[in-house]
């Protein structure tokens, strides 16, 4: 199974796609006021590059050195919740068919 791993630092952020703890893709960006856009673009890009569907990635792990009350951290947590909800909702609907 695949997993996203987001590393947030004060100056930069990096999203990696792992398969069984081995990095198969990576996207990085300088920290700015665009965490949501950059994170969604990186998720979409990594999925596309690896010919994966969202439900093939089981989790989004966030590793951060910035405090939880920073906007970038709150946005990342929100994206994680939305992604997880979306993937589990899709899986639930497919199981009902």
N, C-alpha and C. Protein backbone atom coordinates (compact mmCIF):
# COMPACT_ATOMS: atom_id res chain seq x y z
N UNK A 1 0.83 -1.18 0.00
CA UNK A 1 0.00 0.00 0.00
C UNK A 1 0.88 1.25 0.00
N UNK A 2 0.35 2.31 -0.53
CA UNK A 2 1.06 3.58 -0.63
C UNK A 2 0.66 4.51 0.50
N UNK A 3 1.57 5.44 0.83
CA UNK A 3 1.35 6.44 1.88
C UNK A 3 1.98 7.75 1.44
N UNK A 4 1.31 8.86 1.75
CA UNK A 4 1.92 10.17 1.57
C UNK A 4 2.59 10.57 2.88
N UNK A 5 3.75 11.22 2.77
CA UNK A 5 4.45 11.73 3.95
C UNK A 5 4.79 13.19 3.68
N UNK A 6 4.21 14.09 4.47
CA UNK A 6 4.44 15.52 4.33
C UNK A 6 5.39 15.98 5.42
N UNK A 7 6.50 16.58 5.01
CA UNK A 7 7.49 17.14 5.94
C UNK A 7 7.39 18.66 5.82
N UNK A 8 7.03 19.33 6.92
CA UNK A 8 6.91 20.79 6.93
C UNK A 8 8.02 21.37 7.78
N UNK A 9 8.80 22.24 7.17
CA UNK A 9 9.85 22.96 7.87
C UNK A 9 9.55 24.45 7.75
N UNK A 10 10.29 25.28 8.46
CA UNK A 10 10.04 26.72 8.43
C UNK A 10 10.23 27.31 7.04
N UNK A 11 11.19 26.83 6.30
CA UNK A 11 11.53 27.42 5.00
C UNK A 11 10.99 26.64 3.80
N UNK A 12 10.69 25.36 4.00
CA UNK A 12 10.24 24.55 2.87
C UNK A 12 9.35 23.40 3.33
N UNK A 13 8.64 22.84 2.37
CA UNK A 13 7.81 21.66 2.62
C UNK A 13 8.08 20.64 1.52
N UNK A 14 7.86 19.37 1.86
CA UNK A 14 8.10 18.30 0.89
C UNK A 14 7.08 17.19 1.10
N UNK A 15 6.46 16.78 0.01
CA UNK A 15 5.52 15.67 0.04
C UNK A 15 6.15 14.49 -0.68
N UNK A 16 6.24 13.36 -0.01
CA UNK A 16 6.79 12.14 -0.59
C UNK A 16 5.68 11.10 -0.71
N UNK A 17 5.78 10.28 -1.73
CA UNK A 17 4.90 9.13 -1.90
C UNK A 17 5.74 7.90 -1.61
N UNK A 18 5.29 7.10 -0.65
CA UNK A 18 6.03 5.90 -0.27
C UNK A 18 5.22 4.65 -0.57
N UNK A 19 5.92 3.64 -1.00
CA UNK A 19 5.32 2.31 -1.15
C UNK A 19 6.11 1.39 -0.25
N UNK A 20 5.46 0.88 0.77
CA UNK A 20 6.12 0.02 1.76
C UNK A 20 7.39 0.67 2.30
N UNK A 21 7.30 1.93 2.68
CA UNK A 21 8.38 2.72 3.28
C UNK A 21 9.54 3.05 2.33
N UNK A 22 9.35 2.87 1.03
CA UNK A 22 10.35 3.24 0.03
C UNK A 22 9.79 4.41 -0.77
N UNK A 23 10.56 5.50 -0.88
CA UNK A 23 10.10 6.68 -1.60
C UNK A 23 10.06 6.39 -3.10
N UNK A 24 8.88 6.59 -3.70
CA UNK A 24 8.73 6.38 -5.14
C UNK A 24 8.49 7.70 -5.88
N UNK A 25 8.28 8.78 -5.14
CA UNK A 25 8.08 10.09 -5.75
C UNK A 25 8.16 11.17 -4.70
N UNK A 26 8.51 12.39 -5.15
CA UNK A 26 8.69 13.46 -4.19
C UNK A 26 8.42 14.80 -4.88
N UNK A 27 7.78 15.71 -4.17
CA UNK A 27 7.55 17.09 -4.62
C UNK A 27 7.88 18.02 -3.47
N UNK A 28 8.58 19.10 -3.75
CA UNK A 28 8.93 20.06 -2.71
C UNK A 28 8.66 21.49 -3.16
N UNK A 29 8.53 22.38 -2.20
CA UNK A 29 8.28 23.79 -2.48
C UNK A 29 8.77 24.65 -1.32
N UNK A 30 9.11 25.90 -1.65
CA UNK A 30 9.50 26.87 -0.64
C UNK A 30 8.25 27.28 0.14
N UNK A 31 8.41 27.47 1.42
CA UNK A 31 7.28 27.84 2.27
C UNK A 31 6.80 29.24 1.91
N UNK A 32 5.51 29.38 1.73
CA UNK A 32 4.87 30.65 1.39
C UNK A 32 3.44 30.63 1.89
N UNK A 33 2.65 31.47 1.38
CA UNK A 33 1.25 31.54 1.80
C UNK A 33 0.35 30.75 0.85
N UNK A 34 0.81 29.58 0.46
CA UNK A 34 0.08 28.79 -0.52
C UNK A 34 0.10 27.29 -0.22
N UNK A 35 0.12 26.93 1.05
CA UNK A 35 0.21 25.52 1.45
C UNK A 35 -0.91 24.68 0.83
N UNK A 36 -2.14 25.16 0.89
CA UNK A 36 -3.25 24.38 0.36
C UNK A 36 -3.10 24.08 -1.12
N UNK A 37 -2.83 25.11 -1.91
CA UNK A 37 -2.68 24.93 -3.35
C UNK A 37 -1.51 24.02 -3.66
N UNK A 38 -0.36 24.26 -3.03
CA UNK A 38 0.84 23.46 -3.30
C UNK A 38 0.65 22.01 -2.89
N UNK A 39 -0.02 21.78 -1.77
CA UNK A 39 -0.23 20.42 -1.28
C UNK A 39 -1.16 19.66 -2.21
N UNK A 40 -2.28 20.29 -2.61
CA UNK A 40 -3.20 19.62 -3.54
C UNK A 40 -2.54 19.35 -4.89
N UNK A 41 -1.75 20.32 -5.40
CA UNK A 41 -1.05 20.11 -6.67
C UNK A 41 -0.05 18.97 -6.56
N UNK A 42 0.63 18.88 -5.42
CA UNK A 42 1.62 17.82 -5.22
C UNK A 42 0.96 16.46 -5.11
N UNK A 43 -0.15 16.37 -4.40
CA UNK A 43 -0.90 15.11 -4.30
C UNK A 43 -1.33 14.67 -5.70
N UNK A 44 -1.96 15.59 -6.45
CA UNK A 44 -2.43 15.26 -7.80
C UNK A 44 -1.27 14.86 -8.70
N UNK A 45 -0.15 15.58 -8.62
CA UNK A 45 1.00 15.27 -9.46
C UNK A 45 1.61 13.92 -9.15
N UNK A 46 1.76 13.61 -7.87
CA UNK A 46 2.34 12.31 -7.49
C UNK A 46 1.42 11.16 -7.88
N UNK A 47 0.12 11.34 -7.73
CA UNK A 47 -0.82 10.31 -8.15
C UNK A 47 -0.71 10.09 -9.66
N UNK A 48 -0.71 11.18 -10.41
CA UNK A 48 -0.62 11.10 -11.87
C UNK A 48 0.70 10.48 -12.33
N UNK A 49 1.81 10.95 -11.77
CA UNK A 49 3.13 10.43 -12.14
C UNK A 49 3.24 8.93 -11.93
N UNK A 50 2.56 8.42 -10.92
CA UNK A 50 2.66 7.00 -10.56
C UNK A 50 1.44 6.19 -11.00
N UNK A 51 0.57 6.83 -11.79
CA UNK A 51 -0.63 6.17 -12.34
C UNK A 51 -1.47 5.51 -11.23
N UNK A 52 -1.71 6.28 -10.17
CA UNK A 52 -2.48 5.79 -9.03
C UNK A 52 -3.80 6.52 -8.89
N UNK A 53 -4.76 5.86 -8.28
CA UNK A 53 -6.01 6.49 -7.88
C UNK A 53 -5.86 6.88 -6.41
N UNK A 54 -6.60 7.89 -5.98
CA UNK A 54 -6.49 8.38 -4.61
C UNK A 54 -6.70 7.28 -3.58
N UNK A 55 -7.62 6.36 -3.85
CA UNK A 55 -7.91 5.31 -2.87
C UNK A 55 -6.80 4.26 -2.77
N UNK A 56 -5.77 4.36 -3.60
CA UNK A 56 -4.63 3.45 -3.50
C UNK A 56 -3.59 3.96 -2.51
N UNK A 57 -3.77 5.18 -2.02
CA UNK A 57 -2.88 5.77 -1.02
C UNK A 57 -3.64 5.79 0.30
N UNK A 58 -3.17 5.01 1.26
CA UNK A 58 -3.95 4.75 2.47
C UNK A 58 -3.90 5.86 3.51
N UNK A 59 -2.87 6.70 3.50
CA UNK A 59 -2.72 7.65 4.61
C UNK A 59 -1.88 8.83 4.17
N UNK A 60 -2.05 9.94 4.89
CA UNK A 60 -1.20 11.11 4.72
C UNK A 60 -0.63 11.41 6.09
N UNK A 61 0.67 11.23 6.23
CA UNK A 61 1.36 11.44 7.51
C UNK A 61 2.01 12.81 7.47
N UNK A 62 1.84 13.58 8.55
CA UNK A 62 2.43 14.91 8.62
C UNK A 62 3.53 14.91 9.68
N UNK A 63 4.70 15.35 9.27
CA UNK A 63 5.86 15.47 10.14
C UNK A 63 6.28 16.94 10.09
N UNK A 64 6.21 17.64 11.22
CA UNK A 64 6.44 19.07 11.19
C UNK A 64 7.32 19.55 12.33
N UNK A 65 8.12 20.56 12.01
CA UNK A 65 8.92 21.22 13.04
C UNK A 65 8.31 22.57 13.43
N UNK A 66 7.17 22.92 12.81
CA UNK A 66 6.53 24.18 13.15
C UNK A 66 5.38 23.92 14.12
N UNK A 67 5.02 24.91 14.93
CA UNK A 67 3.93 24.73 15.89
C UNK A 67 2.58 24.45 15.22
N UNK A 68 1.72 23.74 15.92
CA UNK A 68 0.41 23.35 15.39
C UNK A 68 -0.49 24.55 15.09
N UNK A 69 -0.25 25.70 15.71
CA UNK A 69 -1.13 26.84 15.50
C UNK A 69 -0.72 27.68 14.28
N UNK A 70 0.34 27.33 13.58
CA UNK A 70 0.72 28.03 12.35
C UNK A 70 -0.27 27.68 11.25
N UNK A 71 -0.55 28.65 10.40
CA UNK A 71 -1.53 28.46 9.34
C UNK A 71 -1.18 27.29 8.44
N UNK A 72 0.08 27.15 8.04
CA UNK A 72 0.48 26.04 7.17
C UNK A 72 0.18 24.69 7.80
N UNK A 73 0.40 24.59 9.08
CA UNK A 73 0.13 23.33 9.79
C UNK A 73 -1.37 23.06 9.85
N UNK A 74 -2.15 24.09 10.13
CA UNK A 74 -3.62 23.91 10.18
C UNK A 74 -4.16 23.52 8.81
N UNK A 75 -3.62 24.14 7.75
CA UNK A 75 -4.07 23.79 6.40
C UNK A 75 -3.70 22.34 6.09
N UNK A 76 -2.49 21.94 6.41
CA UNK A 76 -2.06 20.56 6.16
C UNK A 76 -2.95 19.56 6.89
N UNK A 77 -3.28 19.85 8.14
CA UNK A 77 -4.17 18.96 8.91
C UNK A 77 -5.56 18.88 8.27
N UNK A 78 -6.05 20.02 7.78
CA UNK A 78 -7.36 20.03 7.13
C UNK A 78 -7.34 19.22 5.84
N UNK A 79 -6.28 19.38 5.04
CA UNK A 79 -6.15 18.60 3.80
C UNK A 79 -6.09 17.12 4.14
N UNK A 80 -5.37 16.75 5.18
CA UNK A 80 -5.30 15.35 5.59
C UNK A 80 -6.68 14.81 5.93
N UNK A 81 -7.46 15.58 6.69
CA UNK A 81 -8.80 15.12 7.07
C UNK A 81 -9.71 14.96 5.86
N UNK A 82 -9.66 15.93 4.94
CA UNK A 82 -10.49 15.87 3.74
C UNK A 82 -10.07 14.70 2.87
N UNK A 83 -8.76 14.52 2.69
CA UNK A 83 -8.27 13.41 1.87
C UNK A 83 -8.69 12.07 2.46
N UNK A 84 -8.48 11.91 3.75
CA UNK A 84 -8.83 10.66 4.43
C UNK A 84 -10.33 10.39 4.34
N UNK A 85 -11.13 11.43 4.55
CA UNK A 85 -12.59 11.28 4.46
C UNK A 85 -12.99 10.87 3.04
N UNK A 86 -12.41 11.53 2.05
CA UNK A 86 -12.75 11.25 0.66
C UNK A 86 -12.40 9.81 0.28
N UNK A 87 -11.21 9.39 0.65
CA UNK A 87 -10.76 8.03 0.31
C UNK A 87 -11.60 6.98 1.02
N UNK A 88 -11.89 7.18 2.31
CA UNK A 88 -12.68 6.18 3.03
C UNK A 88 -14.13 6.18 2.58
N UNK A 89 -14.67 7.34 2.18
CA UNK A 89 -16.04 7.40 1.67
C UNK A 89 -16.14 6.66 0.35
N UNK A 90 -15.15 6.85 -0.53
CA UNK A 90 -15.15 6.16 -1.82
C UNK A 90 -15.03 4.66 -1.62
N UNK A 91 -14.17 4.23 -0.71
CA UNK A 91 -14.00 2.81 -0.45
C UNK A 91 -15.29 2.20 0.10
N UNK A 92 -15.98 2.94 0.97
CA UNK A 92 -17.23 2.47 1.53
C UNK A 92 -18.30 2.32 0.48
N UNK A 93 -18.38 3.27 -0.46
CA UNK A 93 -19.37 3.19 -1.53
C UNK A 93 -19.09 2.03 -2.46
N UNK A 94 -17.80 1.78 -2.76
CA UNK A 94 -17.45 0.67 -3.63
C UNK A 94 -17.77 -0.67 -2.97
N UNK A 95 -17.62 -0.75 -1.66
CA UNK A 95 -17.91 -2.00 -0.94
C UNK A 95 -19.40 -2.30 -0.95
N UNK A 96 -20.22 -1.26 -1.02
CA UNK A 96 -21.66 -1.46 -1.00
C UNK A 96 -22.21 -1.95 -2.34
N UNK A 97 -21.45 -1.78 -3.40
CA UNK A 97 -21.92 -2.18 -4.75
C UNK A 97 -21.96 -3.67 -4.92
